[in-house]
């Protein structure tokens, strides 16, 4: 049976970088599933409607489908992980199925808000970053990668991202078994924290002692 690890954190907290580091250290025994892939298809909305839509609310994500897919993976069944485009708010599906691996890593904003989903995770990690750092990173990312304007990103941050973070992300940090602090742009420090985590995940999987992960102690000086 796979070990399901959830990595939660605010927008632009550093989840994508952390995922890449963890994947590199655990390859090829890891299957990555982005929570963002399960965003509901909103391509039927006009451009104006999309600009006014709150995409930073948990209800925008189809957790029911993700729960179904995780249960299939636990039963050694194949799934089709959706793909979501931020440019046109459209969901599509790949032609090839994927199967479970020893480690399943899921990352996203709202992984801890849904109790039924949360209970499927064997280990929960929260990546923490200060608000000003997240805002700076978010503006840079959305302008460069998602084709948004500076003013457009800034407005969305104030209207949606910060209020939703404070309501649906930050309060659920208490559910995490471990916290990665990413308050400064120190790539080497982040990679080292992820390496330490990946090594402990390897030990847990190889020893097949993950039935009660709450008894596993991760060194707080590192993660």
N, C-alpha and C. Protein backbone atom coordinates (compact mmCIF):
# COMPACT_ATOMS: atom_id res chain seq x y z
N UNK A 1 0.84 -1.20 0.00
CA UNK A 1 0.00 0.00 0.00
C UNK A 1 0.87 1.25 0.00
N UNK A 2 0.43 2.26 -0.72
CA UNK A 2 1.22 3.49 -0.85
C UNK A 2 1.16 4.34 0.41
N UNK A 3 2.21 5.11 0.61
CA UNK A 3 2.25 6.13 1.65
C UNK A 3 1.78 7.43 1.00
N UNK A 4 0.69 8.01 1.49
CA UNK A 4 0.16 9.25 0.91
C UNK A 4 0.61 10.43 1.75
N UNK A 5 1.41 11.30 1.13
CA UNK A 5 1.96 12.48 1.80
C UNK A 5 1.32 13.72 1.20
N UNK A 6 0.80 14.60 2.04
CA UNK A 6 0.16 15.84 1.59
C UNK A 6 1.03 17.04 1.95
N UNK A 7 1.26 17.91 0.98
CA UNK A 7 2.04 19.12 1.19
C UNK A 7 1.12 20.31 0.94
N UNK A 8 0.79 21.02 2.01
CA UNK A 8 -0.15 22.14 1.94
C UNK A 8 0.59 23.44 2.25
N UNK A 9 0.04 24.55 1.75
CA UNK A 9 0.63 25.85 2.03
C UNK A 9 -0.03 26.92 1.19
N UNK A 10 0.20 28.17 1.55
CA UNK A 10 -0.41 29.28 0.84
C UNK A 10 0.11 29.45 -0.57
N UNK A 11 -0.60 30.27 -1.33
CA UNK A 11 -0.19 30.56 -2.70
C UNK A 11 1.18 31.21 -2.70
N UNK A 12 2.10 30.66 -3.51
CA UNK A 12 3.48 31.16 -3.63
C UNK A 12 4.28 30.98 -2.35
N UNK A 13 3.93 30.00 -1.55
CA UNK A 13 4.69 29.71 -0.32
C UNK A 13 5.95 28.92 -0.62
N UNK A 14 6.00 28.30 -1.81
CA UNK A 14 7.17 27.51 -2.19
C UNK A 14 6.85 26.04 -2.40
N UNK A 15 5.55 25.72 -2.54
CA UNK A 15 5.14 24.33 -2.69
C UNK A 15 5.74 23.68 -3.93
N UNK A 16 5.73 24.41 -5.05
CA UNK A 16 6.22 23.84 -6.31
C UNK A 16 7.69 23.47 -6.21
N UNK A 17 8.50 24.36 -5.64
CA UNK A 17 9.92 24.05 -5.46
C UNK A 17 10.11 22.86 -4.53
N UNK A 18 9.36 22.86 -3.44
CA UNK A 18 9.48 21.77 -2.47
C UNK A 18 9.11 20.43 -3.12
N UNK A 19 8.06 20.43 -3.92
CA UNK A 19 7.64 19.21 -4.60
C UNK A 19 8.74 18.70 -5.52
N UNK A 20 9.36 19.60 -6.27
CA UNK A 20 10.42 19.19 -7.19
C UNK A 20 11.60 18.59 -6.44
N UNK A 21 11.98 19.18 -5.32
CA UNK A 21 13.09 18.65 -4.53
C UNK A 21 12.74 17.27 -3.98
N UNK A 22 11.53 17.13 -3.45
CA UNK A 22 11.11 15.85 -2.88
C UNK A 22 11.03 14.79 -3.98
N UNK A 23 10.47 15.14 -5.13
CA UNK A 23 10.38 14.20 -6.25
C UNK A 23 11.76 13.74 -6.69
N UNK A 24 12.70 14.68 -6.77
CA UNK A 24 14.05 14.33 -7.20
C UNK A 24 14.70 13.34 -6.25
N UNK A 25 14.45 13.53 -4.95
CA UNK A 25 15.09 12.66 -3.95
C UNK A 25 14.40 11.30 -3.85
N UNK A 26 13.13 11.22 -4.25
CA UNK A 26 12.39 9.96 -4.11
C UNK A 26 12.14 9.26 -5.44
N UNK A 27 12.58 9.86 -6.53
CA UNK A 27 12.38 9.24 -7.84
C UNK A 27 13.11 7.89 -7.90
N UNK A 28 12.52 6.87 -8.55
CA UNK A 28 11.25 6.84 -9.29
C UNK A 28 10.10 6.26 -8.47
N UNK A 29 10.22 6.25 -7.15
CA UNK A 29 9.22 5.59 -6.30
C UNK A 29 8.06 6.51 -5.92
N UNK A 30 7.92 7.66 -6.61
CA UNK A 30 6.93 8.64 -6.18
C UNK A 30 5.99 9.01 -7.32
N UNK A 31 4.71 9.16 -6.98
CA UNK A 31 3.69 9.66 -7.90
C UNK A 31 3.22 11.01 -7.38
N UNK A 32 3.33 12.04 -8.22
CA UNK A 32 2.92 13.38 -7.82
C UNK A 32 1.53 13.70 -8.37
N UNK A 33 0.65 14.18 -7.50
CA UNK A 33 -0.69 14.60 -7.90
C UNK A 33 -0.92 16.03 -7.44
N UNK A 34 -0.98 17.01 -8.35
CA UNK A 34 -1.28 18.38 -7.93
C UNK A 34 -2.77 18.54 -7.60
N UNK A 35 -3.06 19.12 -6.47
CA UNK A 35 -4.46 19.39 -6.11
C UNK A 35 -5.09 20.33 -7.14
N UNK A 36 -4.29 21.23 -7.71
CA UNK A 36 -4.78 22.18 -8.70
C UNK A 36 -5.35 21.49 -9.94
N UNK A 37 -4.90 20.27 -10.21
CA UNK A 37 -5.42 19.55 -11.38
C UNK A 37 -6.91 19.26 -11.26
N UNK A 38 -7.41 19.33 -10.03
CA UNK A 38 -8.81 19.01 -9.79
C UNK A 38 -9.70 20.25 -9.71
N UNK A 39 -9.16 21.41 -10.17
CA UNK A 39 -10.01 22.59 -10.30
C UNK A 39 -11.16 22.28 -11.24
N UNK A 40 -12.34 22.76 -10.91
CA UNK A 40 -13.50 22.56 -11.77
C UNK A 40 -13.35 23.36 -13.06
N UNK A 41 -13.84 22.81 -14.14
CA UNK A 41 -13.77 23.47 -15.45
C UNK A 41 -14.64 24.72 -15.43
N UNK A 42 -14.00 25.86 -15.67
CA UNK A 42 -14.72 27.14 -15.70
C UNK A 42 -14.59 27.81 -17.06
N UNK A 43 -14.29 27.03 -18.10
CA UNK A 43 -14.07 27.60 -19.42
C UNK A 43 -15.34 28.19 -20.02
N UNK A 44 -16.49 27.83 -19.45
CA UNK A 44 -17.76 28.36 -19.96
C UNK A 44 -17.97 29.82 -19.54
N UNK A 45 -17.18 30.29 -18.57
CA UNK A 45 -17.30 31.68 -18.11
C UNK A 45 -16.61 32.62 -19.09
N UNK A 46 -17.13 33.81 -19.23
CA UNK A 46 -16.49 34.82 -20.08
C UNK A 46 -15.23 35.33 -19.38
N UNK A 47 -14.38 36.04 -20.11
CA UNK A 47 -13.17 36.59 -19.52
C UNK A 47 -13.49 37.52 -18.36
N UNK A 48 -14.55 38.33 -18.51
CA UNK A 48 -14.94 39.24 -17.44
C UNK A 48 -15.43 38.47 -16.22
N UNK A 49 -16.21 37.41 -16.46
CA UNK A 49 -16.71 36.60 -15.35
C UNK A 49 -15.56 35.91 -14.62
N UNK A 50 -14.56 35.46 -15.38
CA UNK A 50 -13.41 34.81 -14.75
C UNK A 50 -12.63 35.79 -13.89
N UNK A 51 -12.50 37.02 -14.38
CA UNK A 51 -11.74 38.02 -13.62
C UNK A 51 -12.42 38.37 -12.31
N UNK A 52 -13.75 38.18 -12.25
CA UNK A 52 -14.50 38.49 -11.04
C UNK A 52 -14.75 37.25 -10.18
N UNK A 53 -14.28 36.10 -10.65
CA UNK A 53 -14.56 34.84 -9.95
C UNK A 53 -13.49 34.57 -8.90
N UNK A 54 -13.92 34.04 -7.77
CA UNK A 54 -12.99 33.73 -6.69
C UNK A 54 -12.45 32.31 -6.87
N UNK A 55 -11.31 32.20 -7.55
CA UNK A 55 -10.67 30.90 -7.76
C UNK A 55 -9.87 30.46 -6.54
N UNK A 56 -9.87 31.26 -5.49
CA UNK A 56 -9.12 30.93 -4.28
C UNK A 56 -10.02 30.43 -3.16
N UNK A 57 -11.17 29.87 -3.55
CA UNK A 57 -12.09 29.28 -2.58
C UNK A 57 -12.04 27.76 -2.73
N UNK A 58 -12.09 27.01 -1.63
CA UNK A 58 -12.02 25.55 -1.71
C UNK A 58 -13.08 24.91 -2.59
N UNK A 59 -14.23 25.55 -2.73
CA UNK A 59 -15.30 24.98 -3.53
C UNK A 59 -14.98 24.92 -5.01
N UNK A 60 -13.91 25.59 -5.43
CA UNK A 60 -13.50 25.57 -6.83
C UNK A 60 -12.84 24.25 -7.20
N UNK A 61 -12.49 23.45 -6.21
CA UNK A 61 -11.78 22.19 -6.45
C UNK A 61 -12.71 21.01 -6.19
N UNK A 62 -12.66 20.03 -7.07
CA UNK A 62 -13.54 18.86 -6.97
C UNK A 62 -12.88 17.79 -6.10
N UNK A 63 -13.02 17.97 -4.81
CA UNK A 63 -12.41 17.03 -3.87
C UNK A 63 -13.02 15.63 -3.96
N UNK A 64 -14.30 15.58 -4.35
CA UNK A 64 -14.95 14.28 -4.45
C UNK A 64 -14.22 13.38 -5.46
N UNK A 65 -13.79 13.98 -6.57
CA UNK A 65 -13.07 13.21 -7.59
C UNK A 65 -11.70 12.80 -7.08
N UNK A 66 -11.01 13.69 -6.39
CA UNK A 66 -9.70 13.35 -5.85
C UNK A 66 -9.81 12.22 -4.82
N UNK A 67 -10.81 12.29 -3.96
CA UNK A 67 -11.01 11.23 -2.97
C UNK A 67 -11.27 9.90 -3.67
N UNK A 68 -12.08 9.93 -4.71
CA UNK A 68 -12.36 8.72 -5.48
C UNK A 68 -11.09 8.16 -6.10
N UNK A 69 -10.26 9.06 -6.66
CA UNK A 69 -9.02 8.62 -7.30
C UNK A 69 -8.04 8.03 -6.28
N UNK A 70 -7.93 8.64 -5.11
CA UNK A 70 -7.02 8.12 -4.09
C UNK A 70 -7.48 6.75 -3.60
N UNK A 71 -8.77 6.57 -3.48
CA UNK A 71 -9.28 5.28 -3.06
C UNK A 71 -9.01 4.22 -4.12
N UNK A 72 -9.09 4.60 -5.39
CA UNK A 72 -8.76 3.68 -6.48
C UNK A 72 -7.29 3.28 -6.41
N UNK A 73 -6.42 4.27 -6.20
CA UNK A 73 -4.99 3.97 -6.11
C UNK A 73 -4.70 3.03 -4.94
N UNK A 74 -5.40 3.23 -3.83
CA UNK A 74 -5.22 2.35 -2.68
C UNK A 74 -5.62 0.91 -3.01
N UNK A 75 -6.56 0.78 -3.96
CA UNK A 75 -7.02 -0.55 -4.37
C UNK A 75 -6.28 -1.06 -5.61
N UNK A 76 -5.14 -0.41 -5.91
CA UNK A 76 -4.32 -0.80 -7.06
C UNK A 76 -5.05 -0.67 -8.40
N UNK A 77 -5.96 0.30 -8.47
CA UNK A 77 -6.65 0.60 -9.72
C UNK A 77 -6.01 1.81 -10.38
N UNK A 78 -6.11 1.88 -11.69
CA UNK A 78 -5.54 3.00 -12.44
C UNK A 78 -6.47 4.22 -12.37
N UNK A 79 -5.88 5.40 -12.49
CA UNK A 79 -6.66 6.64 -12.54
C UNK A 79 -6.15 7.51 -13.69
N UNK A 80 -6.93 8.50 -14.04
CA UNK A 80 -6.54 9.50 -15.03
C UNK A 80 -6.50 10.85 -14.33
N UNK A 81 -5.30 11.36 -14.07
CA UNK A 81 -5.16 12.64 -13.37
C UNK A 81 -5.52 13.77 -14.33
N UNK A 82 -6.47 14.62 -13.97
CA UNK A 82 -6.84 15.72 -14.85
C UNK A 82 -5.70 16.72 -15.03
N UNK A 83 -5.83 17.54 -16.05
CA UNK A 83 -4.89 18.64 -16.28
C UNK A 83 -5.71 19.92 -16.36
N UNK A 84 -5.25 20.96 -15.65
CA UNK A 84 -6.01 22.21 -15.61
C UNK A 84 -5.16 23.36 -16.15
N UNK A 85 -5.75 24.15 -17.03
CA UNK A 85 -5.06 25.30 -17.62
C UNK A 85 -5.49 26.58 -16.92
N UNK A 86 -4.53 27.32 -16.37
CA UNK A 86 -4.84 28.60 -15.75
C UNK A 86 -5.18 29.67 -16.79
N UNK A 87 -4.76 29.47 -18.02
CA UNK A 87 -4.95 30.46 -19.07
C UNK A 87 -6.39 30.52 -19.53
N UNK A 88 -7.06 29.35 -19.62
CA UNK A 88 -8.45 29.37 -20.07
C UNK A 88 -9.42 28.70 -19.08
N UNK A 89 -8.90 28.36 -17.90
CA UNK A 89 -9.73 27.76 -16.82
C UNK A 89 -10.40 26.47 -17.28
N UNK A 90 -9.72 25.70 -18.11
CA UNK A 90 -10.30 24.48 -18.67
C UNK A 90 -9.59 23.24 -18.14
N UNK A 91 -10.38 22.22 -17.90
CA UNK A 91 -9.85 20.93 -17.47
C UNK A 91 -9.86 19.96 -18.66
N UNK A 92 -8.79 19.16 -18.75
CA UNK A 92 -8.72 18.13 -19.78
C UNK A 92 -8.18 16.86 -19.13
N UNK A 93 -8.22 15.75 -19.89
CA UNK A 93 -7.77 14.47 -19.36
C UNK A 93 -6.73 13.84 -20.27
N UNK A 94 -5.74 13.19 -19.69
CA UNK A 94 -4.71 12.51 -20.50
C UNK A 94 -5.27 11.22 -21.09
N UNK A 95 -4.58 10.69 -22.07
CA UNK A 95 -5.03 9.45 -22.70
C UNK A 95 -4.47 8.22 -21.99
N UNK A 96 -3.42 8.40 -21.19
CA UNK A 96 -2.77 7.27 -20.54
C UNK A 96 -3.07 7.26 -19.04
N UNK A 97 -3.34 6.09 -18.48
CA UNK A 97 -3.62 5.99 -17.04
C UNK A 97 -2.33 6.00 -16.23
N UNK A 98 -2.46 6.25 -14.93
CA UNK A 98 -1.32 6.16 -14.01
C UNK A 98 -1.70 5.20 -12.89
N UNK A 99 -0.68 4.62 -12.28
CA UNK A 99 -0.89 3.66 -11.21
C UNK A 99 -0.15 4.12 -9.95
N UNK A 100 -0.52 3.54 -8.84
CA UNK A 100 0.08 3.92 -7.56
C UNK A 100 1.56 3.55 -7.52
N UNK A 101 2.30 4.34 -6.75
CA UNK A 101 3.71 4.04 -6.47
C UNK A 101 3.88 4.01 -4.95
N UNK A 102 5.05 3.61 -4.47
CA UNK A 102 5.23 3.51 -3.01
C UNK A 102 4.89 4.80 -2.27
N UNK A 103 5.18 5.95 -2.89
CA UNK A 103 4.85 7.24 -2.28
C UNK A 103 3.96 8.03 -3.23
N UNK A 104 2.85 8.54 -2.72
CA UNK A 104 1.98 9.44 -3.47
C UNK A 104 2.06 10.80 -2.80
N UNK A 105 2.52 11.80 -3.53
CA UNK A 105 2.68 13.15 -2.99
C UNK A 105 1.63 14.06 -3.61
N UNK A 106 0.85 14.71 -2.77
CA UNK A 106 -0.18 15.64 -3.23
C UNK A 106 0.14 17.02 -2.65
N UNK A 107 0.08 18.05 -3.49
CA UNK A 107 0.32 19.41 -3.00
C UNK A 107 -0.84 20.31 -3.39
N UNK A 108 -1.15 21.28 -2.52
CA UNK A 108 -2.22 22.21 -2.83
C UNK A 108 -2.52 23.16 -1.69
N UNK A 109 -3.39 24.12 -1.98
CA UNK A 109 -3.76 25.15 -1.02
C UNK A 109 -4.67 24.62 0.08
N UNK A 110 -5.69 23.85 -0.32
CA UNK A 110 -6.79 23.54 0.59
C UNK A 110 -6.86 22.07 0.97
N UNK A 111 -5.74 21.40 0.99
CA UNK A 111 -5.74 19.96 1.26
C UNK A 111 -6.25 19.60 2.65
N UNK A 112 -6.10 20.52 3.61
CA UNK A 112 -6.45 20.19 4.99
C UNK A 112 -7.85 20.65 5.38
N UNK A 113 -8.56 21.35 4.50
CA UNK A 113 -9.87 21.90 4.88
C UNK A 113 -10.97 20.84 4.84
N UNK A 114 -10.80 19.83 4.00
CA UNK A 114 -11.81 18.78 3.84
C UNK A 114 -11.44 17.60 4.74
N UNK A 115 -12.28 17.33 5.72
CA UNK A 115 -11.98 16.28 6.71
C UNK A 115 -11.86 14.91 6.06
N UNK A 116 -12.76 14.58 5.14
CA UNK A 116 -12.72 13.26 4.50
C UNK A 116 -11.44 13.09 3.69
N UNK A 117 -11.03 14.15 3.01
CA UNK A 117 -9.78 14.09 2.25
C UNK A 117 -8.59 14.01 3.19
N UNK A 118 -8.60 14.83 4.23
CA UNK A 118 -7.49 14.89 5.18
C UNK A 118 -7.22 13.53 5.82
N UNK A 119 -8.27 12.78 6.06
CA UNK A 119 -8.12 11.49 6.73
C UNK A 119 -7.50 10.43 5.83
N UNK A 120 -7.38 10.70 4.53
CA UNK A 120 -6.73 9.77 3.62
C UNK A 120 -5.21 9.91 3.63
N UNK A 121 -4.73 11.02 4.20
CA UNK A 121 -3.29 11.29 4.19
C UNK A 121 -2.60 10.58 5.35
N UNK A 122 -1.48 9.92 5.02
CA UNK A 122 -0.68 9.28 6.06
C UNK A 122 0.23 10.27 6.76
N UNK A 123 0.66 11.29 6.00
CA UNK A 123 1.52 12.30 6.63
C UNK A 123 1.21 13.66 6.01
N UNK A 124 1.11 14.67 6.86
CA UNK A 124 0.70 16.00 6.41
C UNK A 124 1.79 17.02 6.72
N UNK A 125 2.17 17.77 5.69
CA UNK A 125 3.23 18.78 5.81
C UNK A 125 2.67 20.14 5.43
N UNK A 126 3.02 21.15 6.17
CA UNK A 126 2.62 22.53 5.84
C UNK A 126 3.87 23.32 5.54
N UNK A 127 3.91 23.99 4.38
CA UNK A 127 5.04 24.85 4.05
C UNK A 127 4.61 26.29 4.35
N UNK A 128 5.36 26.91 5.23
CA UNK A 128 4.99 28.21 5.79
C UNK A 128 5.87 29.32 5.23
N UNK A 129 5.25 30.43 4.83
CA UNK A 129 5.99 31.60 4.36
C UNK A 129 5.24 32.85 4.79
N UNK A 130 5.97 33.88 5.16
CA UNK A 130 5.35 35.12 5.62
C UNK A 130 4.56 35.78 4.49
N UNK A 131 3.57 36.55 4.89
CA UNK A 131 2.64 37.15 3.91
C UNK A 131 3.35 38.01 2.88
N UNK A 132 4.26 38.87 3.30
CA UNK A 132 4.92 39.75 2.34
C UNK A 132 5.74 38.97 1.32
N UNK A 133 6.33 37.86 1.75
CA UNK A 133 7.11 37.02 0.84
C UNK A 133 6.18 36.35 -0.17
N UNK A 134 5.05 35.84 0.31
CA UNK A 134 4.09 35.19 -0.59
C UNK A 134 3.53 36.17 -1.61
N UNK A 135 3.25 37.38 -1.18
CA UNK A 135 2.71 38.40 -2.10
C UNK A 135 3.71 38.73 -3.20
N UNK A 136 4.96 38.93 -2.83
CA UNK A 136 5.99 39.24 -3.82
C UNK A 136 6.15 38.11 -4.83
N UNK A 137 6.21 36.89 -4.33
CA UNK A 137 6.38 35.74 -5.22
C UNK A 137 5.16 35.56 -6.12
N UNK A 138 3.98 35.78 -5.56
CA UNK A 138 2.74 35.59 -6.31
C UNK A 138 2.65 36.57 -7.47
N UNK A 139 3.00 37.81 -7.23
CA UNK A 139 2.97 38.82 -8.29
C UNK A 139 3.94 38.44 -9.40
N UNK A 140 5.15 38.07 -9.03
CA UNK A 140 6.15 37.71 -10.03
C UNK A 140 5.71 36.49 -10.84
N UNK A 141 5.18 35.48 -10.16
CA UNK A 141 4.75 34.25 -10.85
C UNK A 141 3.59 34.49 -11.80
N UNK A 142 2.55 35.18 -11.31
CA UNK A 142 1.34 35.33 -12.12
C UNK A 142 1.55 36.24 -13.32
N UNK A 143 2.45 37.21 -13.19
CA UNK A 143 2.76 38.08 -14.33
C UNK A 143 3.57 37.32 -15.37
N UNK A 144 4.57 36.55 -14.90
CA UNK A 144 5.46 35.85 -15.83
C UNK A 144 4.84 34.59 -16.42
N UNK A 145 4.16 33.81 -15.59
CA UNK A 145 3.71 32.48 -16.01
C UNK A 145 2.25 32.41 -16.41
N UNK A 146 1.42 33.32 -15.92
CA UNK A 146 -0.01 33.21 -16.17
C UNK A 146 -0.57 34.36 -16.99
N UNK A 147 0.32 35.21 -17.48
CA UNK A 147 -0.06 36.28 -18.40
C UNK A 147 -0.92 37.37 -17.80
N UNK A 148 -0.86 37.56 -16.50
CA UNK A 148 -1.67 38.57 -15.85
C UNK A 148 -0.90 39.89 -15.73
N UNK A 149 -1.62 40.98 -15.55
CA UNK A 149 -0.98 42.28 -15.36
C UNK A 149 -0.67 42.48 -13.88
N UNK A 150 0.25 43.39 -13.60
CA UNK A 150 0.60 43.68 -12.21
C UNK A 150 -0.63 44.14 -11.43
N UNK A 151 -1.42 45.05 -12.03
CA UNK A 151 -2.61 45.56 -11.35
C UNK A 151 -3.64 44.45 -11.13
N UNK A 152 -3.76 43.58 -12.14
CA UNK A 152 -4.73 42.49 -12.02
C UNK A 152 -4.37 41.53 -10.91
N UNK A 153 -3.10 41.19 -10.81
CA UNK A 153 -2.64 40.28 -9.75
C UNK A 153 -2.83 40.94 -8.38
N UNK A 154 -2.43 42.19 -8.29
CA UNK A 154 -2.53 42.90 -7.01
C UNK A 154 -3.97 42.97 -6.52
N UNK A 155 -4.89 43.19 -7.45
CA UNK A 155 -6.31 43.25 -7.07
C UNK A 155 -6.80 41.89 -6.58
N UNK A 156 -6.42 40.83 -7.30
CA UNK A 156 -6.85 39.49 -6.89
C UNK A 156 -6.28 39.10 -5.53
N UNK A 157 -5.05 39.51 -5.28
CA UNK A 157 -4.43 39.20 -3.98
C UNK A 157 -5.23 39.83 -2.85
N UNK A 158 -5.60 41.09 -3.00
CA UNK A 158 -6.32 41.79 -1.95
C UNK A 158 -7.77 41.31 -1.83
N UNK A 159 -8.42 41.03 -2.96
CA UNK A 159 -9.84 40.63 -2.94
C UNK A 159 -10.02 39.18 -2.52
N UNK A 160 -9.12 38.31 -3.02
CA UNK A 160 -9.35 36.88 -2.86
C UNK A 160 -8.26 36.13 -2.10
N UNK A 161 -7.02 36.24 -2.57
CA UNK A 161 -5.97 35.37 -2.06
C UNK A 161 -5.72 35.53 -0.57
N UNK A 162 -5.53 36.76 -0.12
CA UNK A 162 -5.23 36.96 1.30
C UNK A 162 -6.42 36.61 2.20
N UNK A 163 -7.66 37.07 1.89
CA UNK A 163 -8.78 36.69 2.75
C UNK A 163 -9.01 35.17 2.78
N UNK A 164 -8.88 34.51 1.63
CA UNK A 164 -9.10 33.07 1.58
C UNK A 164 -7.97 32.31 2.30
N UNK A 165 -6.74 32.82 2.19
CA UNK A 165 -5.63 32.21 2.92
C UNK A 165 -5.89 32.27 4.42
N UNK A 166 -6.33 33.42 4.87
CA UNK A 166 -6.55 33.61 6.31
C UNK A 166 -7.73 32.79 6.83
N UNK A 167 -8.65 32.42 5.93
CA UNK A 167 -9.83 31.67 6.34
C UNK A 167 -9.70 30.17 6.12
N UNK A 168 -9.05 29.76 5.01
CA UNK A 168 -9.08 28.36 4.63
C UNK A 168 -7.71 27.67 4.57
N UNK A 169 -6.63 28.42 4.76
CA UNK A 169 -5.31 27.81 4.70
C UNK A 169 -4.60 27.89 6.05
N UNK A 170 -4.34 29.10 6.49
CA UNK A 170 -3.58 29.31 7.73
C UNK A 170 -4.18 28.60 8.95
N UNK A 171 -5.51 28.67 9.16
CA UNK A 171 -6.08 28.03 10.36
C UNK A 171 -5.91 26.52 10.40
N UNK A 172 -5.66 25.90 9.23
CA UNK A 172 -5.55 24.44 9.17
C UNK A 172 -4.11 23.95 9.28
N UNK A 173 -3.20 24.88 9.50
CA UNK A 173 -1.80 24.51 9.70
C UNK A 173 -1.65 23.60 10.92
N UNK A 174 -2.55 23.72 11.86
CA UNK A 174 -2.48 22.91 13.09
C UNK A 174 -2.66 21.42 12.81
N UNK A 175 -3.19 21.07 11.64
CA UNK A 175 -3.38 19.66 11.30
C UNK A 175 -2.09 19.02 10.76
N UNK A 176 -1.09 19.84 10.49
CA UNK A 176 0.15 19.32 9.91
C UNK A 176 0.95 18.52 10.94
N UNK A 177 1.57 17.46 10.46
CA UNK A 177 2.48 16.68 11.30
C UNK A 177 3.86 17.32 11.33
N UNK A 178 4.15 18.14 10.31
CA UNK A 178 5.45 18.80 10.23
C UNK A 178 5.30 20.10 9.45
N UNK A 179 6.14 21.08 9.77
CA UNK A 179 6.10 22.38 9.11
C UNK A 179 7.47 22.69 8.50
N UNK A 180 7.47 23.05 7.23
CA UNK A 180 8.68 23.53 6.57
C UNK A 180 8.61 25.05 6.53
N UNK A 181 9.60 25.72 7.09
CA UNK A 181 9.62 27.18 7.08
C UNK A 181 10.38 27.68 5.86
N UNK A 182 9.72 28.54 5.08
CA UNK A 182 10.31 29.07 3.85
C UNK A 182 10.09 30.57 3.80
N UNK A 183 10.56 31.25 4.85
CA UNK A 183 10.30 32.69 4.99
C UNK A 183 11.27 33.56 4.20
N UNK A 184 12.38 32.98 3.77
CA UNK A 184 13.35 33.75 2.99
C UNK A 184 13.65 32.99 1.71
N UNK A 185 14.14 33.69 0.72
CA UNK A 185 14.43 33.06 -0.56
C UNK A 185 15.81 32.38 -0.52
N UNK A 186 15.88 31.35 0.29
CA UNK A 186 17.11 30.58 0.43
C UNK A 186 16.88 29.20 -0.18
N UNK A 187 17.24 29.05 -1.45
CA UNK A 187 16.96 27.82 -2.19
C UNK A 187 17.68 26.62 -1.56
N UNK A 188 18.93 26.83 -1.16
CA UNK A 188 19.70 25.72 -0.59
C UNK A 188 19.09 25.24 0.72
N UNK A 189 18.62 26.17 1.55
CA UNK A 189 18.02 25.80 2.83
C UNK A 189 16.73 25.02 2.60
N UNK A 190 15.93 25.45 1.62
CA UNK A 190 14.69 24.75 1.32
C UNK A 190 14.98 23.35 0.80
N UNK A 191 15.96 23.24 -0.07
CA UNK A 191 16.30 21.93 -0.62
C UNK A 191 16.78 20.98 0.48
N UNK A 192 17.57 21.50 1.41
CA UNK A 192 18.07 20.66 2.50
C UNK A 192 16.92 20.16 3.38
N UNK A 193 15.96 21.03 3.65
CA UNK A 193 14.80 20.61 4.44
C UNK A 193 14.04 19.51 3.73
N UNK A 194 13.87 19.66 2.41
CA UNK A 194 13.15 18.65 1.63
C UNK A 194 13.93 17.35 1.56
N UNK A 195 15.25 17.44 1.49
CA UNK A 195 16.10 16.25 1.47
C UNK A 195 15.94 15.48 2.78
N UNK A 196 15.96 16.20 3.90
CA UNK A 196 15.78 15.55 5.20
C UNK A 196 14.43 14.85 5.28
N UNK A 197 13.40 15.52 4.77
CA UNK A 197 12.07 14.93 4.77
C UNK A 197 12.03 13.69 3.88
N UNK A 198 12.58 13.80 2.67
CA UNK A 198 12.56 12.68 1.73
C UNK A 198 13.28 11.46 2.29
N UNK A 199 14.40 11.69 2.98
CA UNK A 199 15.15 10.57 3.56
C UNK A 199 14.34 9.86 4.63
N UNK A 200 13.61 10.61 5.42
CA UNK A 200 12.79 9.99 6.46
C UNK A 200 11.60 9.25 5.86
N UNK A 201 11.04 9.80 4.77
CA UNK A 201 9.96 9.10 4.07
C UNK A 201 10.48 7.78 3.52
N UNK A 202 11.70 7.78 2.96
CA UNK A 202 12.31 6.54 2.46
C UNK A 202 12.42 5.50 3.56
N UNK A 203 12.86 5.94 4.72
CA UNK A 203 13.02 5.01 5.84
C UNK A 203 11.69 4.44 6.27
N UNK A 204 10.66 5.29 6.27
CA UNK A 204 9.33 4.83 6.67
C UNK A 204 8.81 3.80 5.68
N UNK A 205 8.95 4.10 4.38
CA UNK A 205 8.45 3.19 3.35
C UNK A 205 9.22 1.88 3.35
N UNK A 206 10.54 1.96 3.43
CA UNK A 206 11.35 0.75 3.40
C UNK A 206 11.11 -0.14 4.61
N UNK A 207 10.83 0.50 5.75
CA UNK A 207 10.57 -0.27 6.96
C UNK A 207 9.12 -0.68 7.11
N UNK A 208 8.26 -0.12 6.21
CA UNK A 208 6.83 -0.41 6.24
C UNK A 208 6.26 -0.21 7.64
N UNK A 209 6.66 0.95 8.23
CA UNK A 209 6.19 1.25 9.58
C UNK A 209 5.29 2.48 9.57
N UNK A 210 4.60 2.71 8.46
CA UNK A 210 3.84 3.94 8.35
C UNK A 210 2.37 3.81 8.76
N UNK A 211 2.00 2.69 9.39
CA UNK A 211 0.60 2.57 9.80
C UNK A 211 0.23 3.62 10.84
N UNK A 212 1.20 4.04 11.63
CA UNK A 212 0.91 5.05 12.65
C UNK A 212 1.98 6.14 12.56
N UNK A 213 1.82 7.00 11.58
CA UNK A 213 2.85 8.00 11.34
C UNK A 213 2.91 9.08 12.41
N UNK A 214 1.84 9.22 13.18
CA UNK A 214 1.88 10.25 14.21
C UNK A 214 2.94 9.96 15.25
N UNK A 215 3.42 8.73 15.29
CA UNK A 215 4.47 8.39 16.24
C UNK A 215 5.86 8.70 15.70
N UNK A 216 5.92 9.07 14.39
CA UNK A 216 7.20 9.40 13.79
C UNK A 216 7.58 10.84 14.16
N UNK A 217 8.78 11.04 14.63
CA UNK A 217 9.24 12.36 15.03
C UNK A 217 10.23 12.91 14.01
N UNK A 218 9.89 14.06 13.45
CA UNK A 218 10.79 14.72 12.51
C UNK A 218 11.49 15.86 13.24
N UNK A 219 12.77 16.01 13.01
CA UNK A 219 13.57 16.99 13.74
C UNK A 219 13.11 18.40 13.41
N UNK A 220 12.60 19.12 14.41
CA UNK A 220 12.04 20.45 14.18
C UNK A 220 13.08 21.45 13.74
N UNK A 221 14.36 21.17 13.99
CA UNK A 221 15.40 22.10 13.56
C UNK A 221 15.53 22.13 12.05
N UNK A 222 15.02 21.11 11.40
CA UNK A 222 15.17 21.01 9.95
C UNK A 222 13.86 21.24 9.22
N UNK A 223 12.77 20.69 9.71
CA UNK A 223 11.51 20.85 8.99
C UNK A 223 10.36 21.16 9.95
